[in-house]
């Protein structure tokens, strides 16, 4: 019997890579969303593999996707937490925006 590939292996590794790369953009939310989806898909394939391991050949790809998804998820959560901490430390959204304006002025960047 010929071995087949796990159905979500490719998409889960692609999503986990994008989640890892996007964890530092959009306050980490993009990385959290993509990594969470990748983790769900990888876990689904892990359960499928556990039922009949002799039928599937690309479990290592699923395991890699799962690890990358976990790393992307943790980094996204840390970036989101850091952003929330910065906003709270500045005294709320208005204080944070005022600090950002001051930084831009010091750098010589004009905001309209």
PDB file of N, CA and C in Angstrom:
ATOM      1  N   UNK A   1       0.834  -1.185   0.000  1.00  0.00           N
ATOM      2  CA  UNK A   1       0.000   0.000   0.000  1.00  0.00           C
ATOM      3  C   UNK A   1       0.880   1.251   0.000  1.00  0.00           C
ATOM      4  N   UNK A   2       0.538   2.167  -0.870  1.00  0.00           N
ATOM      5  CA  UNK A   2       1.324   3.381  -1.015  1.00  0.00           C
ATOM      6  C   UNK A   2       0.981   4.383   0.088  1.00  0.00           C
ATOM      7  N   UNK A   3       2.025   5.017   0.634  1.00  0.00           N
ATOM      8  CA  UNK A   3       1.794   6.006   1.683  1.00  0.00           C
ATOM      9  C   UNK A   3       1.296   7.302   1.070  1.00  0.00           C
ATOM     10  N   UNK A   4       0.390   7.943   1.755  1.00  0.00           N
ATOM     11  CA  UNK A   4      -0.130   9.228   1.306  1.00  0.00           C
ATOM     12  C   UNK A   4       0.345  10.336   2.232  1.00  0.00           C
ATOM     13  N   UNK A   5       0.130  11.555   1.791  1.00  0.00           N
ATOM     14  CA  UNK A   5       0.550  12.704   2.596  1.00  0.00           C
ATOM     15  C   UNK A   5      -0.616  13.167   3.470  1.00  0.00           C
ATOM     16  N   UNK A   6      -0.279  13.689   4.625  1.00  0.00           N
ATOM     17  CA  UNK A   6      -1.296  14.232   5.522  1.00  0.00           C
ATOM     18  C   UNK A   6      -1.951  15.446   4.858  1.00  0.00           C
ATOM     19  N   UNK A   7      -3.264  15.586   4.977  1.00  0.00           N
ATOM     20  CA  UNK A   7      -3.984  16.586   4.178  1.00  0.00           C
ATOM     21  C   UNK A   7      -3.667  18.049   4.483  1.00  0.00           C
ATOM     22  N   UNK A   8      -3.344  18.383   5.709  1.00  0.00           N
ATOM     23  CA  UNK A   8      -3.129  19.789   6.076  1.00  0.00           C
ATOM     24  C   UNK A   8      -1.664  20.139   6.303  1.00  0.00           C
ATOM     25  N   UNK A   9      -0.762  19.254   5.933  1.00  0.00           N
ATOM     26  CA  UNK A   9       0.659  19.469   6.240  1.00  0.00           C
ATOM     27  C   UNK A   9       1.211  20.710   5.552  1.00  0.00           C
ATOM     28  N   UNK A  10       0.951  20.853   4.273  1.00  0.00           N
ATOM     29  CA  UNK A  10       1.522  21.971   3.520  1.00  0.00           C
ATOM     30  C   UNK A  10       0.942  23.303   3.978  1.00  0.00           C
ATOM     31  N   UNK A  11      -0.367  23.374   4.099  1.00  0.00           N
ATOM     32  CA  UNK A  11      -0.988  24.637   4.504  1.00  0.00           C
ATOM     33  C   UNK A  11      -0.605  25.009   5.936  1.00  0.00           C
ATOM     34  N   UNK A  12      -0.457  24.017   6.803  1.00  0.00           N
ATOM     35  CA  UNK A  12      -0.093  24.349   8.181  1.00  0.00           C
ATOM     36  C   UNK A  12       1.339  24.860   8.270  1.00  0.00           C
ATOM     37  N   UNK A  13       2.242  24.331   7.441  1.00  0.00           N
ATOM     38  CA  UNK A  13       3.619  24.849   7.495  1.00  0.00           C
ATOM     39  C   UNK A  13       3.701  26.239   6.874  1.00  0.00           C
ATOM     40  N   UNK A  14       2.929  26.489   5.823  1.00  0.00           N
ATOM     41  CA  UNK A  14       2.915  27.822   5.213  1.00  0.00           C
ATOM     42  C   UNK A  14       2.342  28.843   6.193  1.00  0.00           C
ATOM     43  N   UNK A  15       1.215  28.501   6.818  1.00  0.00           N
ATOM     44  CA  UNK A  15       0.614  29.413   7.790  1.00  0.00           C
ATOM     45  C   UNK A  15       1.516  29.640   8.997  1.00  0.00           C
ATOM     46  N   UNK A  16       2.202  28.598   9.441  1.00  0.00           N
ATOM     47  CA  UNK A  16       3.079  28.773  10.604  1.00  0.00           C
ATOM     48  C   UNK A  16       4.279  29.650  10.268  1.00  0.00           C
ATOM     49  N   UNK A  17       4.795  29.540   9.042  1.00  0.00           N
ATOM     50  CA  UNK A  17       5.906  30.415   8.635  1.00  0.00           C
ATOM     51  C   UNK A  17       5.427  31.856   8.550  1.00  0.00           C
ATOM     52  N   UNK A  18       4.269  32.083   7.913  1.00  0.00           N
ATOM     53  CA  UNK A  18       3.733  33.442   7.849  1.00  0.00           C
ATOM     54  C   UNK A  18       3.393  33.971   9.238  1.00  0.00           C
ATOM     55  N   UNK A  19       2.876  33.115  10.106  1.00  0.00           N
ATOM     56  CA  UNK A  19       2.580  33.530  11.469  1.00  0.00           C
ATOM     57  C   UNK A  19       3.834  33.934  12.219  1.00  0.00           C
ATOM     58  N   UNK A  20       4.907  33.180  12.005  1.00  0.00           N
ATOM     59  CA  UNK A  20       6.184  33.498  12.635  1.00  0.00           C
ATOM     60  C   UNK A  20       6.714  34.838  12.119  1.00  0.00           C
ATOM     61  N   UNK A  21       6.600  35.062  10.806  1.00  0.00           N
ATOM     62  CA  UNK A  21       7.091  36.308  10.220  1.00  0.00           C
ATOM     63  C   UNK A  21       6.216  37.504  10.593  1.00  0.00           C
ATOM     64  N   UNK A  22       4.920  37.287  10.726  1.00  0.00           N
ATOM     65  CA  UNK A  22       3.979  38.382  11.013  1.00  0.00           C
ATOM     66  C   UNK A  22       3.823  38.681  12.492  1.00  0.00           C
ATOM     67  N   UNK A  23       4.497  37.943  13.346  1.00  0.00           N
ATOM     68  CA  UNK A  23       4.279  38.147  14.781  1.00  0.00           C
ATOM     69  C   UNK A  23       4.744  39.525  15.244  1.00  0.00           C
ATOM     70  N   UNK A  24       5.621  40.160  14.499  1.00  0.00           N
ATOM     71  CA  UNK A  24       6.108  41.475  14.906  1.00  0.00           C
ATOM     72  C   UNK A  24       5.356  42.613  14.231  1.00  0.00           C
ATOM     73  N   UNK A  25       4.417  42.292  13.347  1.00  0.00           N
ATOM     74  CA  UNK A  25       3.625  43.315  12.671  1.00  0.00           C
ATOM     75  C   UNK A  25       2.225  43.330  13.264  1.00  0.00           C
ATOM     76  N   UNK A  26       1.546  44.415  13.089  1.00  0.00           N
ATOM     77  CA  UNK A  26       0.161  44.612  13.548  1.00  0.00           C
ATOM     78  C   UNK A  26      -0.012  44.213  15.006  1.00  0.00           C
ATOM     79  N   UNK A  27       0.931  44.617  15.821  1.00  0.00           N
ATOM     80  CA  UNK A  27       0.900  44.378  17.271  1.00  0.00           C
ATOM     81  C   UNK A  27       0.822  42.902  17.619  1.00  0.00           C
ATOM     82  N   UNK A  28       1.294  42.041  16.747  1.00  0.00           N
ATOM     83  CA  UNK A  28       1.323  40.612  17.022  1.00  0.00           C
ATOM     84  C   UNK A  28       0.034  39.881  16.717  1.00  0.00           C
ATOM     85  N   UNK A  29      -1.022  40.612  16.397  1.00  0.00           N
ATOM     86  CA  UNK A  29      -2.322  39.971  16.195  1.00  0.00           C
ATOM     87  C   UNK A  29      -2.317  39.085  14.956  1.00  0.00           C
ATOM     88  N   UNK A  30      -1.703  39.550  13.882  1.00  0.00           N
ATOM     89  CA  UNK A  30      -1.626  38.735  12.663  1.00  0.00           C
ATOM     90  C   UNK A  30      -0.885  37.436  12.898  1.00  0.00           C
ATOM     91  N   UNK A  31       0.207  37.503  13.624  1.00  0.00           N
ATOM     92  CA  UNK A  31       0.970  36.303  13.948  1.00  0.00           C
ATOM     93  C   UNK A  31       0.194  35.351  14.840  1.00  0.00           C
ATOM     94  N   UNK A  32      -0.569  35.900  15.769  1.00  0.00           N
ATOM     95  CA  UNK A  32      -1.365  35.065  16.663  1.00  0.00           C
ATOM     96  C   UNK A  32      -2.430  34.322  15.872  1.00  0.00           C
ATOM     97  N   UNK A  33      -3.119  35.036  14.990  1.00  0.00           N
ATOM     98  CA  UNK A  33      -4.194  34.416  14.215  1.00  0.00           C
ATOM     99  C   UNK A  33      -3.649  33.332  13.286  1.00  0.00           C
ATOM    100  N   UNK A  34      -2.620  33.655  12.510  1.00  0.00           N
ATOM    101  CA  UNK A  34      -2.070  32.678  11.567  1.00  0.00           C
ATOM    102  C   UNK A  34      -1.459  31.476  12.287  1.00  0.00           C
ATOM    103  N   UNK A  35      -0.751  31.734  13.376  1.00  0.00           N
ATOM    104  CA  UNK A  35      -0.135  30.637  14.118  1.00  0.00           C
ATOM    105  C   UNK A  35      -1.180  29.755  14.788  1.00  0.00           C
ATOM    106  N   UNK A  36      -2.252  30.353  15.269  1.00  0.00           N
ATOM    107  CA  UNK A  36      -3.309  29.560  15.899  1.00  0.00           C
ATOM    108  C   UNK A  36      -3.985  28.649  14.879  1.00  0.00           C
ATOM    109  N   UNK A  37      -4.260  29.173  13.690  1.00  0.00           N
ATOM    110  CA  UNK A  37      -4.858  28.349  12.638  1.00  0.00           C
ATOM    111  C   UNK A  37      -3.912  27.220  12.251  1.00  0.00           C
ATOM    112  N   UNK A  38      -2.627  27.543  12.098  1.00  0.00           N
ATOM    113  CA  UNK A  38      -1.641  26.520  11.742  1.00  0.00           C
ATOM    114  C   UNK A  38      -1.542  25.455  12.819  1.00  0.00           C
ATOM    115  N   UNK A  39      -1.609  25.860  14.073  1.00  0.00           N
ATOM    116  CA  UNK A  39      -1.522  24.906  15.176  1.00  0.00           C
ATOM    117  C   UNK A  39      -2.732  23.976  15.198  1.00  0.00           C
ATOM    118  N   UNK A  40      -3.906  24.519  14.948  1.00  0.00           N
ATOM    119  CA  UNK A  40      -5.113  23.688  14.903  1.00  0.00           C
ATOM    120  C   UNK A  40      -5.013  22.663  13.768  1.00  0.00           C
ATOM    121  N   UNK A  41      -4.578  23.106  12.591  1.00  0.00           N
ATOM    122  CA  UNK A  41      -4.454  22.195  11.450  1.00  0.00           C
ATOM    123  C   UNK A  41      -3.384  21.133  11.699  1.00  0.00           C
ATOM    124  N   UNK A  42      -2.259  21.536  12.281  1.00  0.00           N
ATOM    125  CA  UNK A  42      -1.188  20.577  12.567  1.00  0.00           C
ATOM    126  C   UNK A  42      -1.636  19.564  13.616  1.00  0.00           C
ATOM    127  N   UNK A  43      -2.367  20.008  14.623  1.00  0.00           N
ATOM    128  CA  UNK A  43      -2.863  19.074  15.640  1.00  0.00           C
ATOM    129  C   UNK A  43      -3.891  18.107  15.057  1.00  0.00           C
ATOM    130  N   UNK A  44      -4.685  18.598  14.118  1.00  0.00           N
ATOM    131  CA  UNK A  44      -5.650  17.721  13.451  1.00  0.00           C
ATOM    132  C   UNK A  44      -4.913  16.624  12.668  1.00  0.00           C
ATOM    133  N   UNK A  45      -3.847  17.018  11.953  1.00  0.00           N
ATOM    134  CA  UNK A  45      -3.052  16.027  11.219  1.00  0.00           C
ATOM    135  C   UNK A  45      -2.308  15.093  12.162  1.00  0.00           C
ATOM    136  N   UNK A  46      -1.900  15.599  13.304  1.00  0.00           N
ATOM    137  CA  UNK A  46      -1.219  14.749  14.288  1.00  0.00           C
ATOM    138  C   UNK A  46      -2.158  13.652  14.780  1.00  0.00           C
ATOM    139  N   UNK A  47      -3.420  14.007  15.015  1.00  0.00           N
ATOM    140  CA  UNK A  47      -4.403  13.012  15.436  1.00  0.00           C
ATOM    141  C   UNK A  47      -4.678  12.011  14.312  1.00  0.00           C
ATOM    142  N   UNK A  48      -4.747  12.501  13.082  1.00  0.00           N
ATOM    143  CA  UNK A  48      -4.954  11.611  11.933  1.00  0.00           C
ATOM    144  C   UNK A  48      -3.791  10.630  11.803  1.00  0.00           C
ATOM    145  N   UNK A  49      -2.583  11.129  11.988  1.00  0.00           N
ATOM    146  CA  UNK A  49      -1.397  10.279  11.898  1.00  0.00           C
ATOM    147  C   UNK A  49      -1.387   9.233  13.014  1.00  0.00           C
ATOM    148  N   UNK A  50      -1.819   9.613  14.200  1.00  0.00           N
ATOM    149  CA  UNK A  50      -1.808   8.687  15.335  1.00  0.00           C
ATOM    150  C   UNK A  50      -2.737   7.499  15.110  1.00  0.00           C
ATOM    151  N   UNK A  51      -3.789   7.685  14.333  1.00  0.00           N
ATOM    152  CA  UNK A  51      -4.727   6.596  14.063  1.00  0.00           C
ATOM    153  C   UNK A  51      -4.139   5.528  13.141  1.00  0.00           C
ATOM    154  N   UNK A  52      -3.322   5.952  12.169  1.00  0.00           N
ATOM    155  CA  UNK A  52      -2.739   5.000  11.215  1.00  0.00           C
ATOM    156  C   UNK A  52      -1.391   5.523  10.727  1.00  0.00           C
ATOM    157  N   UNK A  53      -0.334   5.406  11.537  1.00  0.00           N
ATOM    158  CA  UNK A  53       0.964   5.981  11.162  1.00  0.00           C
ATOM    159  C   UNK A  53       1.592   5.351   9.915  1.00  0.00           C
ATOM    160  N   UNK A  54       1.258   4.123   9.626  1.00  0.00           N
ATOM    161  CA  UNK A  54       1.863   3.464   8.466  1.00  0.00           C
ATOM    162  C   UNK A  54       1.317   3.996   7.140  1.00  0.00           C
ATOM    163  N   UNK A  55       0.217   4.735   7.165  1.00  0.00           N
ATOM    164  CA  UNK A  55      -0.393   5.235   5.934  1.00  0.00           C
ATOM    165  C   UNK A  55       0.179   6.575   5.469  1.00  0.00           C
ATOM    166  N   UNK A  56       0.892   7.271   6.342  1.00  0.00           N
ATOM    167  CA  UNK A  56       1.316   8.640   6.015  1.00  0.00           C
ATOM    168  C   UNK A  56       2.827   8.771   6.039  1.00  0.00           C
ATOM    169  N   UNK A  57       3.323   9.642   5.146  1.00  0.00           N
ATOM    170  CA  UNK A  57       4.776   9.751   4.993  1.00  0.00           C
ATOM    171  C   UNK A  57       5.357  11.096   5.415  1.00  0.00           C
ATOM    172  N   UNK A  58       4.555  12.106   5.640  1.00  0.00           N
ATOM    173  CA  UNK A  58       5.115  13.437   5.892  1.00  0.00           C
ATOM    174  C   UNK A  58       4.823  13.961   7.300  1.00  0.00           C
ATOM    175  N   UNK A  59       4.926  13.095   8.274  1.00  0.00           N
ATOM    176  CA  UNK A  59       4.663  13.528   9.647  1.00  0.00           C
ATOM    177  C   UNK A  59       5.714  14.528  10.129  1.00  0.00           C
ATOM    178  N   UNK A  60       6.943  14.427   9.666  1.00  0.00           N
ATOM    179  CA  UNK A  60       7.979  15.363  10.105  1.00  0.00           C
ATOM    180  C   UNK A  60       7.637  16.790   9.686  1.00  0.00           C
ATOM    181  N   UNK A  61       6.995  16.958   8.536  1.00  0.00           N
ATOM    182  CA  UNK A  61       6.573  18.281   8.086  1.00  0.00           C
ATOM    183  C   UNK A  61       5.493  18.841   9.018  1.00  0.00           C
ATOM    184  N   UNK A  62       4.586  17.995   9.447  1.00  0.00           N
ATOM    185  CA  UNK A  62       3.538  18.419  10.376  1.00  0.00           C
ATOM    186  C   UNK A  62       4.150  18.799  11.722  1.00  0.00           C
ATOM    187  N   UNK A  63       5.116  18.023  12.165  1.00  0.00           N
ATOM    188  CA  UNK A  63       5.772  18.319  13.441  1.00  0.00           C
ATOM    189  C   UNK A  63       6.525  19.651  13.371  1.00  0.00           C
ATOM    190  N   UNK A  64       7.189  19.905  12.251  1.00  0.00           N
ATOM    191  CA  UNK A  64       7.886  21.175  12.059  1.00  0.00           C
ATOM    192  C   UNK A  64       6.897  22.331  12.058  1.00  0.00           C
ATOM    193  N   UNK A  65       5.783  22.162  11.350  1.00  0.00           N
ATOM    194  CA  UNK A  65       4.751  23.205  11.313  1.00  0.00           C
ATOM    195  C   UNK A  65       4.204  23.473  12.703  1.00  0.00           C
ATOM    196  N   UNK A  66       4.024  22.431  13.475  1.00  0.00           N
ATOM    197  CA  UNK A  66       3.499  22.571  14.837  1.00  0.00           C
ATOM    198  C   UNK A  66       4.464  23.364  15.717  1.00  0.00           C
ATOM    199  N   UNK A  67       5.740  23.052  15.627  1.00  0.00           N
ATOM    200  CA  UNK A  67       6.750  23.766  16.414  1.00  0.00           C
ATOM    201  C   UNK A  67       6.816  25.233  16.007  1.00  0.00           C
ATOM    202  N   UNK A  68       6.839  25.503  14.696  1.00  0.00           N
ATOM    203  CA  UNK A  68       6.868  26.888  14.225  1.00  0.00           C
ATOM    204  C   UNK A  68       5.609  27.647  14.634  1.00  0.00           C
ATOM    205  N   UNK A  69       4.482  26.981  14.614  1.00  0.00           N
ATOM    206  CA  UNK A  69       3.233  27.625  15.023  1.00  0.00           C
ATOM    207  C   UNK A  69       3.267  27.990  16.501  1.00  0.00           C
ATOM    208  N   UNK A  70       3.807  27.108  17.321  1.00  0.00           N
ATOM    209  CA  UNK A  70       3.909  27.398  18.755  1.00  0.00           C
ATOM    210  C   UNK A  70       4.850  28.574  18.994  1.00  0.00           C
ATOM    211  N   UNK A  71       5.981  28.594  18.293  1.00  0.00           N
ATOM    212  CA  UNK A  71       6.931  29.696  18.438  1.00  0.00           C
ATOM    213  C   UNK A  71       6.292  31.009  17.976  1.00  0.00           C
ATOM    214  N   UNK A  72       5.620  30.991  16.826  1.00  0.00           N
ATOM    215  CA  UNK A  72       4.949  32.189  16.331  1.00  0.00           C
ATOM    216  C   UNK A  72       3.854  32.663  17.261  1.00  0.00           C
ATOM    217  N   UNK A  73       3.124  31.727  17.835  1.00  0.00           N
ATOM    218  CA  UNK A  73       2.054  32.070  18.773  1.00  0.00           C
ATOM    219  C   UNK A  73       2.619  32.722  20.035  1.00  0.00           C
ATOM    220  N   UNK A  74       3.674  32.158  20.573  1.00  0.00           N
ATOM    221  CA  UNK A  74       4.297  32.718  21.781  1.00  0.00           C
ATOM    222  C   UNK A  74       4.875  34.104  21.490  1.00  0.00           C
ATOM    223  N   UNK A  75       5.573  34.251  20.363  1.00  0.00           N
ATOM    224  CA  UNK A  75       6.134  35.563  20.027  1.00  0.00           C
ATOM    225  C   UNK A  75       5.032  36.593  19.785  1.00  0.00           C
ATOM    226  N   UNK A  76       3.964  36.193  19.107  1.00  0.00           N
ATOM    227  CA  UNK A  76       2.848  37.106  18.879  1.00  0.00           C
ATOM    228  C   UNK A  76       2.211  37.558  20.173  1.00  0.00           C
ATOM    229  N   UNK A  77       2.042  36.636  21.110  1.00  0.00           N
ATOM    230  CA  UNK A  77       1.468  36.987  22.416  1.00  0.00           C
ATOM    231  C   UNK A  77       2.399  37.925  23.175  1.00  0.00           C
ATOM    232  N   UNK A  78       3.704  37.670  23.098  1.00  0.00           N
ATOM    233  CA  UNK A  78       4.666  38.558  23.773  1.00  0.00           C
ATOM    234  C   UNK A  78       4.646  39.959  23.171  1.00  0.00           C
ATOM    235  N   UNK A  79       4.593  40.055  21.848  1.00  0.00           N
ATOM    236  CA  UNK A  79       4.551  41.365  21.192  1.00  0.00           C
ATOM    237  C   UNK A  79       3.268  42.096  21.540  1.00  0.00           C
ATOM    238  N   UNK A  80       2.146  41.392  21.544  1.00  0.00           N
ATOM    239  CA  UNK A  80       0.874  41.999  21.921  1.00  0.00           C
ATOM    240  C   UNK A  80       0.917  42.466  23.378  1.00  0.00           C
ATOM    241  N   UNK A  81       1.460  41.648  24.254  1.00  0.00           N
ATOM    242  CA  UNK A  81       1.584  42.022  25.658  1.00  0.00           C
ATOM    243  C   UNK A  81       2.477  43.231  25.844  1.00  0.00           C
ATOM    244  N   UNK A  82       3.567  43.298  25.092  1.00  0.00           N
ATOM    245  CA  UNK A  82       4.464  44.446  25.166  1.00  0.00           C
ATOM    246  C   UNK A  82       3.763  45.711  24.703  1.00  0.00           C
ATOM    247  N   UNK A  83       2.988  45.613  23.629  1.00  0.00           N
ATOM    248  CA  UNK A  83       2.244  46.775  23.137  1.00  0.00           C
ATOM    249  C   UNK A  83       1.226  47.262  24.152  1.00  0.00           C
ATOM    250  N   UNK A  84       0.513  46.331  24.755  1.00  0.00           N
ATOM    251  CA  UNK A  84      -0.467  46.706  25.787  1.00  0.00           C
ATOM    252  C   UNK A  84       0.234  47.346  26.979  1.00  0.00           C
ATOM    253  N   UNK A  85       1.378  46.786  27.371  1.00  0.00           N
ATOM    254  CA  UNK A  85       2.147  47.346  28.484  1.00  0.00           C
ATOM    255  C   UNK A  85       2.607  48.770  28.177  1.00  0.00           C
ATOM    256  N   UNK A  86       3.054  49.012  26.939  1.00  0.00           N
ATOM    257  CA  UNK A  86       3.499  50.350  26.571  1.00  0.00           C
ATOM    258  C   UNK A  86       2.357  51.358  26.612  1.00  0.00           C
ATOM    259  N   UNK A  87       1.197  50.943  26.147  1.00  0.00           N
ATOM    260  CA  UNK A  87       0.042  51.844  26.159  1.00  0.00           C
ATOM    261  C   UNK A  87      -0.379  52.162  27.591  1.00  0.00           C
ATOM    262  N   UNK A  88      -0.414  51.148  28.432  1.00  0.00           N
ATOM    263  CA  UNK A  88      -0.793  51.358  29.832  1.00  0.00           C
ATOM    264  C   UNK A  88       0.244  52.218  30.545  1.00  0.00           C
ATOM    265  N   UNK A  89       1.526  51.988  30.281  1.00  0.00           N
ATOM    266  CA  UNK A  89       2.592  52.763  30.914  1.00  0.00           C
ATOM    267  C   UNK A  89       2.555  54.230  30.519  1.00  0.00           C
ATOM    268  N   UNK A  90       2.067  54.507  29.314  1.00  0.00           N
ATOM    269  CA  UNK A  90       2.012  55.886  28.837  1.00  0.00           C
ATOM    270  C   UNK A  90       0.780  56.617  29.342  1.00  0.00           C
ATOM    271  N   UNK A  91      -0.073  55.931  30.058  1.00  0.00           N
ATOM    272  CA  UNK A  91      -1.260  56.576  30.597  1.00  0.00           C
ATOM    273  C   UNK A  91      -2.466  56.458  29.687  1.00  0.00           C
ATOM    274  N   UNK A  92      -2.501  55.428  28.883  1.00  0.00           N
ATOM    275  CA  UNK A  92      -3.630  55.234  27.972  1.00  0.00           C
ATOM    276  C   UNK A  92      -3.246  55.564  26.542  1.00  0.00           C
ATOM    277  N   UNK A  93      -4.235  55.464  25.677  1.00  0.00           N
ATOM    278  CA  UNK A  93      -3.985  55.642  24.244  1.00  0.00           C
ATOM    279  C   UNK A  93      -3.518  57.064  23.916  1.00  0.00           C
ATOM    280  N   UNK A  94      -4.133  58.063  24.522  1.00  0.00           N
ATOM    281  CA  UNK A  94      -3.751  59.449  24.236  1.00  0.00           C
ATOM    282  C   UNK A  94      -2.308  59.723  24.664  1.00  0.00           C
ATOM    283  N   UNK A  95      -1.921  59.255  25.835  1.00  0.00           N
ATOM    284  CA  UNK A  95      -0.546  59.435  26.291  1.00  0.00           C
ATOM    285  C   UNK A  95       0.452  58.718  25.399  1.00  0.00           C
ATOM    286  N   UNK A  96       0.075  57.538  24.942  1.00  0.00           N
ATOM    287  CA  UNK A  96       0.942  56.776  24.040  1.00  0.00           C
ATOM    288  C   UNK A  96       1.129  57.516  22.715  1.00  0.00           C
ATOM    289  N   UNK A  97       0.032  58.052  22.171  1.00  0.00           N
ATOM    290  CA  UNK A  97       0.124  58.779  20.906  1.00  0.00           C
ATOM    291  C   UNK A  97       0.951  60.060  21.069  1.00  0.00           C
ATOM    292  N   UNK A  98       0.844  60.701  22.222  1.00  0.00           N
ATOM    293  CA  UNK A  98       1.644  61.904  22.476  1.00  0.00           C
ATOM    294  C   UNK A  98       3.135  61.551  22.519  1.00  0.00           C
ATOM    295  N   UNK A  99       3.461  60.435  23.153  1.00  0.00           N
ATOM    296  CA  UNK A  99       4.859  59.991  23.167  1.00  0.00           C
ATOM    297  C   UNK A  99       5.361  59.699  21.757  1.00  0.00           C
ATOM    298  N   UNK A 100       4.515  59.103  20.942  1.00  0.00           N
ATOM    299  CA  UNK A 100       4.904  58.806  19.566  1.00  0.00           C
ATOM    300  C   UNK A 100       5.141  60.092  18.774  1.00  0.00           C
ATOM    301  N   UNK A 101       4.284  61.097  18.975  1.00  0.00           N
ATOM    302  CA  UNK A 101       4.460  62.383  18.294  1.00  0.00           C
ATOM    303  C   UNK A 101       5.788  63.026  18.692  1.00  0.00           C
ATOM    304  N   UNK A 102       6.128  62.944  19.984  1.00  0.00           N
ATOM    305  CA  UNK A 102       7.389  63.513  20.451  1.00  0.00           C
ATOM    306  C   UNK A 102       8.581  62.798  19.814  1.00  0.00           C
ATOM    307  N   UNK A 103       8.500  61.496  19.693  1.00  0.00           N
ATOM    308  CA  UNK A 103       9.584  60.736  19.064  1.00  0.00           C
ATOM    309  C   UNK A 103       9.730  61.136  17.606  1.00  0.00           C
ATOM    310  N   UNK A 104       8.601  61.273  16.899  1.00  0.00           N
ATOM    311  CA  UNK A 104       8.659  61.680  15.493  1.00  0.00           C
ATOM    312  C   UNK A 104       9.231  63.078  15.346  1.00  0.00           C
ATOM    313  N   UNK A 105       8.879  63.990  16.254  1.00  0.00           N
ATOM    314  CA  UNK A 105       9.421  65.349  16.207  1.00  0.00           C
ATOM    315  C   UNK A 105      10.924  65.336  16.425  1.00  0.00           C
ATOM    316  N   UNK A 106      11.408  64.516  17.353  1.00  0.00           N
ATOM    317  CA  UNK A 106      12.840  64.430  17.609  1.00  0.00           C
ATOM    318  C   UNK A 106      13.582  63.869  16.404  1.00  0.00           C
ATOM    319  N   UNK A 107      12.933  62.992  15.668  1.00  0.00           N
ATOM    320  CA  UNK A 107      13.552  62.432  14.475  1.00  0.00           C
ATOM    321  C   UNK A 107      13.399  63.319  13.253  1.00  0.00           C
ATOM    322  N   UNK A 108      12.623  64.379  13.373  1.00  0.00           N
ATOM    323  CA  UNK A 108      12.416  65.293  12.261  1.00  0.00           C
ATOM    324  C   UNK A 108      11.377  64.841  11.275  1.00  0.00           C
ATOM    325  N   UNK A 109      10.510  63.957  11.691  1.00  0.00           N
ATOM    326  CA  UNK A 109       9.453  63.455  10.822  1.00  0.00           C
ATOM    327  C   UNK A 109       8.192  64.253  11.120  1.00  0.00           C
ATOM    328  N   UNK A 110       7.595  64.821  10.071  1.00  0.00           N
ATOM    329  CA  UNK A 110       6.398  65.626  10.264  1.00  0.00           C
ATOM    330  C   UNK A 110       5.166  64.765  10.035  1.00  0.00           C
ATOM    331  N   UNK A 111       4.216  64.893  10.935  1.00  0.00           N
ATOM    332  CA  UNK A 111       2.934  64.207  10.802  1.00  0.00           C
ATOM    333  C   UNK A 111       1.875  65.209  10.435  1.00  0.00           C
ATOM    334  N   UNK A 112       0.985  64.823   9.559  1.00  0.00           N
ATOM    335  CA  UNK A 112      -0.096  65.737   9.157  1.00  0.00           C
ATOM    336  C   UNK A 112      -1.308  65.558   9.998  1.00  0.00           C
TER     337      UNK A 112
END
